[in-house]
C-alpha cells in the first residue's frame, strides 16, 4: 500500500511510463486510476476515461489521506 506522496514519488522515478494504481475506498471497494507524469503535470485517467491534469501540490492536497495499491507500471 502507498500513500499519495509515495505514489507521486513513484511517478517521478518512472516518468513517461503509465502507472496503474487503485484508490482504496470504503467497504472493500477501489477505483482504478492510470497516471503519467509529463514535466510538471500529473495526468490522472479514471476508469470512466476522464483525464484530470494535476499540479503535484494539488494532487497531494486532494488525496492527502488516500491509500493506493500499485497494480502495474508499463
C-alpha atoms as a PDB file:
ATOM      1  CA  UNK A   1       0.000   0.000   0.000  1.00  0.00           C
ATOM      2  CA  UNK A   2       1.151   3.512  -0.809  1.00  0.00           C
ATOM      3  CA  UNK A   3       0.393   6.993   0.419  1.00  0.00           C
ATOM      4  CA  UNK A   4      -0.325   9.705  -2.129  1.00  0.00           C
ATOM      5  CA  UNK A   5       3.181  11.162  -1.671  1.00  0.00           C
ATOM      6  CA  UNK A   6       4.737   7.724  -2.242  1.00  0.00           C
ATOM      7  CA  UNK A   7       2.660   7.287  -5.390  1.00  0.00           C
ATOM      8  CA  UNK A   8       3.805  10.673  -6.683  1.00  0.00           C
ATOM      9  CA  UNK A   9       7.445   9.778  -5.931  1.00  0.00           C
ATOM     10  CA  UNK A  10       6.977   6.575  -7.911  1.00  0.00           C
ATOM     11  CA  UNK A  11       5.613   8.626 -10.818  1.00  0.00           C
ATOM     12  CA  UNK A  12       8.674  10.901 -10.615  1.00  0.00           C
ATOM     13  CA  UNK A  13      11.017   7.916 -10.820  1.00  0.00           C
ATOM     14  CA  UNK A  14       9.055   6.400 -13.724  1.00  0.00           C
ATOM     15  CA  UNK A  15       8.464   9.471 -15.865  1.00  0.00           C
ATOM     16  CA  UNK A  16       6.996   8.738 -19.287  1.00  0.00           C
ATOM     17  CA  UNK A  17       5.593   5.410 -18.071  1.00  0.00           C
ATOM     18  CA  UNK A  18       1.996   4.675 -17.124  1.00  0.00           C
ATOM     19  CA  UNK A  19       1.289   3.699 -13.538  1.00  0.00           C
ATOM     20  CA  UNK A  20      -1.885   1.798 -12.788  1.00  0.00           C
ATOM     21  CA  UNK A  21      -2.945   2.165  -9.164  1.00  0.00           C
ATOM     22  CA  UNK A  22      -6.147   1.575  -7.258  1.00  0.00           C
ATOM     23  CA  UNK A  23      -7.529   4.093  -4.803  1.00  0.00           C
ATOM     24  CA  UNK A  24      -8.869   2.270  -1.777  1.00  0.00           C
ATOM     25  CA  UNK A  25     -12.402   3.306  -0.923  1.00  0.00           C
ATOM     26  CA  UNK A  26     -14.541   2.224   1.992  1.00  0.00           C
ATOM     27  CA  UNK A  27     -16.286  -1.142   2.239  1.00  0.00           C
ATOM     28  CA  UNK A  28     -13.605  -3.103   0.325  1.00  0.00           C
ATOM     29  CA  UNK A  29     -14.062  -1.208  -2.918  1.00  0.00           C
ATOM     30  CA  UNK A  30     -11.473   0.536  -5.033  1.00  0.00           C
ATOM     31  CA  UNK A  31     -11.200   2.791  -8.066  1.00  0.00           C
ATOM     32  CA  UNK A  32      -8.520   2.232 -10.694  1.00  0.00           C
ATOM     33  CA  UNK A  33      -6.517   5.209 -11.957  1.00  0.00           C
ATOM     34  CA  UNK A  34      -3.875   5.435 -14.678  1.00  0.00           C
ATOM     35  CA  UNK A  35      -1.135   8.021 -14.073  1.00  0.00           C
ATOM     36  CA  UNK A  36       1.546   9.531 -16.254  1.00  0.00           C
ATOM     37  CA  UNK A  37       3.848  12.411 -15.410  1.00  0.00           C
ATOM     38  CA  UNK A  38       4.890  14.858 -18.096  1.00  0.00           C
ATOM     39  CA  UNK A  39       7.063  17.746 -16.996  1.00  0.00           C
ATOM     40  CA  UNK A  40       5.266  19.319 -14.055  1.00  0.00           C
ATOM     41  CA  UNK A  41       1.791  17.856 -14.703  1.00  0.00           C
ATOM     42  CA  UNK A  42       0.364  14.581 -13.497  1.00  0.00           C
ATOM     43  CA  UNK A  43      -2.233  13.114 -15.864  1.00  0.00           C
ATOM     44  CA  UNK A  44      -4.828  11.060 -13.972  1.00  0.00           C
ATOM     45  CA  UNK A  45      -7.226   8.927 -16.031  1.00  0.00           C
ATOM     46  CA  UNK A  46     -10.046   7.277 -14.143  1.00  0.00           C
ATOM     47  CA  UNK A  47     -11.935   4.169 -15.175  1.00  0.00           C
ATOM     48  CA  UNK A  48     -14.575   6.461 -16.693  1.00  0.00           C
ATOM     49  CA  UNK A  49     -11.993   7.694 -19.220  1.00  0.00           C
ATOM     50  CA  UNK A  50     -11.958  11.231 -17.835  1.00  0.00           C
ATOM     51  CA  UNK A  51      -8.466  12.725 -17.650  1.00  0.00           C
ATOM     52  CA  UNK A  52      -7.611  15.212 -14.931  1.00  0.00           C
ATOM     53  CA  UNK A  53      -4.420  17.256 -15.106  1.00  0.00           C
ATOM     54  CA  UNK A  54      -2.934  17.953 -11.682  1.00  0.00           C
ATOM     55  CA  UNK A  55      -0.062  20.046 -10.470  1.00  0.00           C
ATOM     56  CA  UNK A  56       1.874  17.929  -7.980  1.00  0.00           C
ATOM     57  CA  UNK A  57       0.853  20.014  -4.958  1.00  0.00           C
ATOM     58  CA  UNK A  58      -2.828  19.943  -5.987  1.00  0.00           C
ATOM     59  CA  UNK A  59      -2.778  16.155  -6.301  1.00  0.00           C
ATOM     60  CA  UNK A  60      -1.190  15.705  -2.871  1.00  0.00           C
ATOM     61  CA  UNK A  61      -3.694  18.059  -1.259  1.00  0.00           C
ATOM     62  CA  UNK A  62      -6.705  16.450  -2.963  1.00  0.00           C
ATOM     63  CA  UNK A  63      -5.705  12.902  -1.974  1.00  0.00           C
ATOM     64  CA  UNK A  64      -3.855  13.736   1.265  1.00  0.00           C
ATOM     65  CA  UNK A  65      -5.442  10.910   3.290  1.00  0.00           C
ATOM     66  CA  UNK A  66      -5.731   8.365   0.480  1.00  0.00           C
ATOM     67  CA  UNK A  67      -4.262   4.888   0.318  1.00  0.00           C
ATOM     68  CA  UNK A  68      -3.278   3.337  -3.009  1.00  0.00           C
ATOM     69  CA  UNK A  69      -2.417  -0.151  -4.238  1.00  0.00           C
ATOM     70  CA  UNK A  70       0.094  -0.349  -7.066  1.00  0.00           C
ATOM     71  CA  UNK A  71      -1.251  -2.581  -9.824  1.00  0.00           C
ATOM     72  CA  UNK A  72       1.437  -2.223 -12.515  1.00  0.00           C
ATOM     73  CA  UNK A  73       3.909   0.071 -14.272  1.00  0.00           C
ATOM     74  CA  UNK A  74       4.048  -0.120 -18.079  1.00  0.00           C
END
